[in-house]
Amino acid sequence: MATKLELEEYLYRRAIDIIESTDTDDDKDKLLFQEVWLPLADLYKDKIVPPGSDG
Protein backbone atom coordinates (compact mmCIF):
# COMPACT_ATOMS: atom_id res chain seq x y z
CA MET A 1 0.00 0.00 0.00
CA ALA A 2 1.22 3.48 -0.85
CA THR A 3 2.14 5.93 1.87
CA LYS A 4 0.26 9.20 2.35
CA LEU A 5 3.13 11.06 0.75
CA GLU A 6 3.13 8.77 -2.30
CA LEU A 7 -0.63 9.21 -2.71
CA GLU A 8 -0.28 12.97 -2.37
CA GLU A 9 2.48 13.00 -4.99
CA TYR A 10 0.29 10.98 -7.36
CA LEU A 11 -2.61 13.42 -6.90
CA TYR A 12 -0.41 16.44 -7.57
CA ARG A 13 1.01 14.79 -10.69
CA ARG A 14 -2.55 14.02 -11.81
CA ALA A 15 -3.45 17.68 -11.28
CA ILE A 16 -0.57 18.75 -13.51
CA ASP A 17 -1.66 16.28 -16.19
CA ILE A 18 -5.20 17.66 -16.08
CA ILE A 19 -4.06 21.28 -16.16
CA GLU A 20 -1.77 20.64 -19.12
CA SER A 21 -4.43 18.69 -21.04
CA THR A 22 -6.28 20.06 -24.05
CA ASP A 23 -9.67 19.74 -22.31
CA THR A 24 -11.88 22.79 -21.88
CA ASP A 25 -11.49 24.80 -18.69
CA ASP A 26 -14.91 23.57 -17.54
CA ASP A 27 -13.85 19.94 -18.04
CA LYS A 28 -10.56 20.62 -16.26
CA ASP A 29 -12.42 22.11 -13.28
CA LYS A 30 -14.65 19.03 -13.04
CA LEU A 31 -11.73 16.62 -13.38
CA LEU A 32 -9.62 18.48 -10.83
CA PHE A 33 -12.45 18.46 -8.33
CA GLN A 34 -13.33 14.79 -8.82
CA GLU A 35 -9.89 13.29 -9.32
CA VAL A 36 -7.64 15.53 -7.22
CA TRP A 37 -9.29 17.80 -4.67
CA LEU A 38 -11.83 15.33 -3.24
CA PRO A 39 -9.29 12.49 -2.87
CA LEU A 40 -6.76 14.93 -1.40
CA ALA A 41 -9.30 16.22 1.12
CA ASP A 42 -10.19 12.63 2.03
CA LEU A 43 -6.51 11.83 2.47
CA TYR A 44 -6.13 14.66 4.99
CA LYS A 45 -9.62 14.75 6.51
CA ASP A 46 -8.13 13.94 9.92
CA LYS A 47 -6.41 17.34 9.80
CA ILE A 48 -9.50 19.16 8.47
CA VAL A 49 -12.21 17.72 10.72
CA PRO A 50 -11.71 18.18 14.46
CA PRO A 51 -11.41 14.91 16.39
CA GLY A 52 -14.68 13.73 17.84
CA SER A 53 -16.91 15.44 15.26
CA ASP A 54 -19.15 13.50 12.88
CA GLY A 55 -17.44 14.84 9.71
PDB file of N, CA and C in Angstrom:
ATOM      1  N   MET A   1       0.841  -1.181   0.000  1.00  0.00           N
ATOM      2  CA  MET A   1       0.000   0.000   0.000  1.00  0.00           C
ATOM      3  C   MET A   1       0.890   1.249   0.000  1.00  0.00           C
ATOM      4  N   ALA A   2       0.462   2.240  -0.733  1.00  0.00           N
ATOM      5  CA  ALA A   2       1.223   3.477  -0.850  1.00  0.00           C
ATOM      6  C   ALA A   2       1.111   4.303   0.426  1.00  0.00           C
ATOM      7  N   THR A   3       2.166   5.047   0.712  1.00  0.00           N
ATOM      8  CA  THR A   3       2.138   5.929   1.873  1.00  0.00           C
ATOM      9  C   THR A   3       1.323   7.179   1.534  1.00  0.00           C
ATOM     10  N   LYS A   4       0.992   7.944   2.553  1.00  0.00           N
ATOM     11  CA  LYS A   4       0.258   9.196   2.352  1.00  0.00           C
ATOM     12  C   LYS A   4       1.017  10.126   1.409  1.00  0.00           C
ATOM     13  N   LEU A   5       2.309  10.193   1.586  1.00  0.00           N
ATOM     14  CA  LEU A   5       3.132  11.065   0.751  1.00  0.00           C
ATOM     15  C   LEU A   5       3.116  10.604  -0.707  1.00  0.00           C
ATOM     16  N   GLU A   6       3.179   9.297  -0.933  1.00  0.00           N
ATOM     17  CA  GLU A   6       3.126   8.775  -2.295  1.00  0.00           C
ATOM     18  C   GLU A   6       1.774   9.055  -2.950  1.00  0.00           C
ATOM     19  N   LEU A   7       0.701   8.904  -2.186  1.00  0.00           N
ATOM     20  CA  LEU A   7      -0.631   9.208  -2.708  1.00  0.00           C
ATOM     21  C   LEU A   7      -0.769  10.694  -3.014  1.00  0.00           C
ATOM     22  N   GLU A   8      -0.242  11.535  -2.138  1.00  0.00           N
ATOM     23  CA  GLU A   8      -0.283  12.969  -2.365  1.00  0.00           C
ATOM     24  C   GLU A   8       0.504  13.333  -3.627  1.00  0.00           C
ATOM     25  N   GLU A   9       1.665  12.733  -3.801  1.00  0.00           N
ATOM     26  CA  GLU A   9       2.477  12.996  -4.991  1.00  0.00           C
ATOM     27  C   GLU A   9       1.724  12.584  -6.249  1.00  0.00           C
ATOM     28  N   TYR A  10       1.070  11.429  -6.213  1.00  0.00           N
ATOM     29  CA  TYR A  10       0.286  10.983  -7.359  1.00  0.00           C
ATOM     30  C   TYR A  10      -0.818  11.992  -7.688  1.00  0.00           C
ATOM     31  N   LEU A  11      -1.514  12.475  -6.670  1.00  0.00           N
ATOM     32  CA  LEU A  11      -2.610  13.421  -6.897  1.00  0.00           C
ATOM     33  C   LEU A  11      -2.102  14.733  -7.486  1.00  0.00           C
ATOM     34  N   TYR A  12      -0.976  15.216  -7.011  1.00  0.00           N
ATOM     35  CA  TYR A  12      -0.410  16.443  -7.571  1.00  0.00           C
ATOM     36  C   TYR A  12       0.043  16.241  -9.017  1.00  0.00           C
ATOM     37  N   ARG A  13       0.608  15.082  -9.312  1.00  0.00           N
ATOM     38  CA  ARG A  13       1.005  14.790 -10.690  1.00  0.00           C
ATOM     39  C   ARG A  13      -0.232  14.690 -11.590  1.00  0.00           C
ATOM     40  N   ARG A  14      -1.295  14.111 -11.060  1.00  0.00           N
ATOM     41  CA  ARG A  14      -2.553  14.016 -11.812  1.00  0.00           C
ATOM     42  C   ARG A  14      -3.097  15.417 -12.076  1.00  0.00           C
ATOM     43  N   ALA A  15      -2.997  16.298 -11.092  1.00  0.00           N
ATOM     44  CA  ALA A  15      -3.452  17.676 -11.276  1.00  0.00           C
ATOM     45  C   ALA A  15      -2.682  18.350 -12.406  1.00  0.00           C
ATOM     46  N   ILE A  16      -1.391  18.157 -12.452  1.00  0.00           N
ATOM     47  CA  ILE A  16      -0.569  18.749 -13.514  1.00  0.00           C
ATOM     48  C   ILE A  16      -0.995  18.194 -14.871  1.00  0.00           C
ATOM     49  N   ASP A  17      -1.218  16.882 -14.936  1.00  0.00           N
ATOM     50  CA  ASP A  17      -1.665  16.278 -16.193  1.00  0.00           C
ATOM     51  C   ASP A  17      -2.984  16.882 -16.664  1.00  0.00           C
ATOM     52  N   ILE A  18      -3.902  17.072 -15.736  1.00  0.00           N
ATOM     53  CA  ILE A  18      -5.200  17.655 -16.080  1.00  0.00           C
ATOM     54  C   ILE A  18      -5.028  19.091 -16.548  1.00  0.00           C
ATOM     55  N   ILE A  19      -4.263  19.872 -15.822  1.00  0.00           N
ATOM     56  CA  ILE A  19      -4.061  21.281 -16.158  1.00  0.00           C
ATOM     57  C   ILE A  19      -3.408  21.430 -17.526  1.00  0.00           C
ATOM     58  N   GLU A  20      -2.482  20.555 -17.847  1.00  0.00           N
ATOM     59  CA  GLU A  20      -1.774  20.641 -19.121  1.00  0.00           C
ATOM     60  C   GLU A  20      -2.528  19.980 -20.272  1.00  0.00           C
ATOM     61  N   SER A  21      -3.666  19.370 -19.996  1.00  0.00           N
ATOM     62  CA  SER A  21      -4.431  18.692 -21.040  1.00  0.00           C
ATOM     63  C   SER A  21      -5.090  19.704 -21.974  1.00  0.00           C
ATOM     64  N   THR A  22      -5.616  19.194 -23.069  1.00  0.00           N
ATOM     65  CA  THR A  22      -6.284  20.058 -24.047  1.00  0.00           C
ATOM     66  C   THR A  22      -7.778  20.173 -23.787  1.00  0.00           C
ATOM     67  N   ASP A  23      -8.250  19.648 -22.664  1.00  0.00           N
ATOM     68  CA  ASP A  23      -9.670  19.742 -22.311  1.00  0.00           C
ATOM     69  C   ASP A  23     -10.073  21.197 -22.111  1.00  0.00           C
ATOM     70  N   THR A  24     -11.375  21.445 -22.153  1.00  0.00           N
ATOM     71  CA  THR A  24     -11.876  22.791 -21.882  1.00  0.00           C
ATOM     72  C   THR A  24     -11.664  23.115 -20.411  1.00  0.00           C
ATOM     73  N   ASP A  25     -11.671  24.391 -20.088  1.00  0.00           N
ATOM     74  CA  ASP A  25     -11.492  24.798 -18.689  1.00  0.00           C
ATOM     75  C   ASP A  25     -12.583  24.208 -17.804  1.00  0.00           C
ATOM     76  N   ASP A  26     -13.810  24.142 -18.317  1.00  0.00           N
ATOM     77  CA  ASP A  26     -14.906  23.570 -17.537  1.00  0.00           C
ATOM     78  C   ASP A  26     -14.644  22.093 -17.237  1.00  0.00           C
ATOM     79  N   ASP A  27     -14.172  21.360 -18.245  1.00  0.00           N
ATOM     80  CA  ASP A  27     -13.845  19.944 -18.043  1.00  0.00           C
ATOM     81  C   ASP A  27     -12.684  19.787 -17.065  1.00  0.00           C
ATOM     82  N   LYS A  28     -11.699  20.658 -17.178  1.00  0.00           N
ATOM     83  CA  LYS A  28     -10.561  20.617 -16.257  1.00  0.00           C
ATOM     84  C   LYS A  28     -11.016  20.849 -14.819  1.00  0.00           C
ATOM     85  N   ASP A  29     -11.895  21.831 -14.627  1.00  0.00           N
ATOM     86  CA  ASP A  29     -12.417  22.107 -13.277  1.00  0.00           C
ATOM     87  C   ASP A  29     -13.099  20.876 -12.698  1.00  0.00           C
ATOM     88  N   LYS A  30     -13.930  20.228 -13.510  1.00  0.00           N
ATOM     89  CA  LYS A  30     -14.646  19.033 -13.038  1.00  0.00           C
ATOM     90  C   LYS A  30     -13.673  17.898 -12.713  1.00  0.00           C
ATOM     91  N   LEU A  31     -12.706  17.684 -13.607  1.00  0.00           N
ATOM     92  CA  LEU A  31     -11.731  16.618 -13.379  1.00  0.00           C
ATOM     93  C   LEU A  31     -10.876  16.890 -12.147  1.00  0.00           C
ATOM     94  N   LEU A  32     -10.430  18.135 -12.000  1.00  0.00           N
ATOM     95  CA  LEU A  32      -9.615  18.478 -10.827  1.00  0.00           C
ATOM     96  C   LEU A  32     -10.382  18.241  -9.540  1.00  0.00           C
ATOM     97  N   PHE A  33     -11.642  18.639  -9.532  1.00  0.00           N
ATOM     98  CA  PHE A  33     -12.452  18.464  -8.325  1.00  0.00           C
ATOM     99  C   PHE A  33     -12.646  16.985  -8.016  1.00  0.00           C
ATOM    100  N   GLN A  34     -13.026  16.201  -9.029  1.00  0.00           N
ATOM    101  CA  GLN A  34     -13.332  14.785  -8.817  1.00  0.00           C
ATOM    102  C   GLN A  34     -12.094  13.931  -8.589  1.00  0.00           C
ATOM    103  N   GLU A  35     -11.038  14.194  -9.339  1.00  0.00           N
ATOM    104  CA  GLU A  35      -9.891  13.292  -9.325  1.00  0.00           C
ATOM    105  C   GLU A  35      -8.725  13.755  -8.460  1.00  0.00           C
ATOM    106  N   VAL A  36      -8.761  15.022  -8.021  1.00  0.00           N
ATOM    107  CA  VAL A  36      -7.643  15.529  -7.221  1.00  0.00           C
ATOM    108  C   VAL A  36      -8.117  16.082  -5.882  1.00  0.00           C
ATOM    109  N   TRP A  37      -8.963  17.096  -5.918  1.00  0.00           N
ATOM    110  CA  TRP A  37      -9.290  17.796  -4.667  1.00  0.00           C
ATOM    111  C   TRP A  37     -10.078  16.926  -3.693  1.00  0.00           C
ATOM    112  N   LEU A  38     -11.081  16.191  -4.167  1.00  0.00           N
ATOM    113  CA  LEU A  38     -11.826  15.325  -3.244  1.00  0.00           C
ATOM    114  C   LEU A  38     -10.947  14.225  -2.646  1.00  0.00           C
ATOM    115  N   PRO A  39     -10.171  13.496  -3.465  1.00  0.00           N
ATOM    116  CA  PRO A  39      -9.288  12.487  -2.868  1.00  0.00           C
ATOM    117  C   PRO A  39      -8.242  13.090  -1.922  1.00  0.00           C
ATOM    118  N   LEU A  40      -7.741  14.284  -2.257  1.00  0.00           N
ATOM    119  CA  LEU A  40      -6.756  14.928  -1.395  1.00  0.00           C
ATOM    120  C   LEU A  40      -7.385  15.332  -0.063  1.00  0.00           C
ATOM    121  N   ALA A  41      -8.599  15.861  -0.117  1.00  0.00           N
ATOM    122  CA  ALA A  41      -9.304  16.217   1.120  1.00  0.00           C
ATOM    123  C   ALA A  41      -9.572  14.973   1.957  1.00  0.00           C
ATOM    124  N   ASP A  42      -9.953  13.879   1.307  1.00  0.00           N
ATOM    125  CA  ASP A  42     -10.193  12.631   2.028  1.00  0.00           C
ATOM    126  C   ASP A  42      -8.914  12.111   2.673  1.00  0.00           C
ATOM    127  N   LEU A  43      -7.807  12.275   1.967  1.00  0.00           N
ATOM    128  CA  LEU A  43      -6.513  11.828   2.474  1.00  0.00           C
ATOM    129  C   LEU A  43      -6.124  12.574   3.756  1.00  0.00           C
ATOM    130  N   TYR A  44      -6.512  13.839   3.836  1.00  0.00           N
ATOM    131  CA  TYR A  44      -6.132  14.660   4.989  1.00  0.00           C
ATOM    132  C   TYR A  44      -7.321  15.101   5.831  1.00  0.00           C
ATOM    133  N   LYS A  45      -8.437  14.356   5.758  1.00  0.00           N
ATOM    134  CA  LYS A  45      -9.620  14.755   6.507  1.00  0.00           C
ATOM    135  C   LYS A  45      -9.381  14.760   8.018  1.00  0.00           C
ATOM    136  N   ASP A  46      -8.436  13.955   8.488  1.00  0.00           N
ATOM    137  CA  ASP A  46      -8.134  13.942   9.915  1.00  0.00           C
ATOM    138  C   ASP A  46      -7.547  15.275  10.377  1.00  0.00           C
ATOM    139  N   LYS A  47      -6.959  16.024   9.459  1.00  0.00           N
ATOM    140  CA  LYS A  47      -6.407  17.336   9.801  1.00  0.00           C
ATOM    141  C   LYS A  47      -7.422  18.448   9.575  1.00  0.00           C
ATOM    142  N   ILE A  48      -8.473  18.173   8.789  1.00  0.00           N
ATOM    143  CA  ILE A  48      -9.498  19.164   8.473  1.00  0.00           C
ATOM    144  C   ILE A  48     -10.626  19.125   9.487  1.00  0.00           C
ATOM    145  N   VAL A  49     -11.084  17.917   9.815  1.00  0.00           N
ATOM    146  CA  VAL A  49     -12.209  17.721  10.723  1.00  0.00           C
ATOM    147  C   VAL A  49     -11.691  17.522  12.133  1.00  0.00           C
ATOM    148  N   PRO A  50     -12.170  18.334  13.066  1.00  0.00           N
ATOM    149  CA  PRO A  50     -11.713  18.185  14.457  1.00  0.00           C
ATOM    150  C   PRO A  50     -12.039  16.793  15.000  1.00  0.00           C
ATOM    151  N   PRO A  51     -11.149  16.236  15.801  1.00  0.00           N
ATOM    152  CA  PRO A  51     -11.408  14.914  16.388  1.00  0.00           C
ATOM    153  C   PRO A  51     -12.706  14.927  17.195  1.00  0.00           C
ATOM    154  N   GLY A  52     -13.459  13.848  17.078  1.00  0.00           N
ATOM    155  CA  GLY A  52     -14.684  13.729  17.837  1.00  0.00           C
ATOM    156  C   GLY A  52     -15.907  14.278  17.135  1.00  0.00           C
ATOM    157  N   SER A  53     -15.742  14.944  15.994  1.00  0.00           N
ATOM    158  CA  SER A  53     -16.909  15.439  15.257  1.00  0.00           C
ATOM    159  C   SER A  53     -17.394  14.356  14.314  1.00  0.00           C
ATOM    160  N   ASP A  54     -18.563  14.534  13.758  1.00  0.00           N
ATOM    161  CA  ASP A  54     -19.152  13.505  12.883  1.00  0.00           C
ATOM    162  C   ASP A  54     -18.702  13.641  11.442  1.00  0.00           C
ATOM    163  N   GLY A  55     -17.827  14.595  11.096  1.00  0.00           N
ATOM    164  CA  GLY A  55     -17.443  14.842   9.712  1.00  0.00           C
ATOM    165  C   GLY A  55     -16.649  13.773   9.167  1.00  0.00           C
TER     166      GLY A  55
END
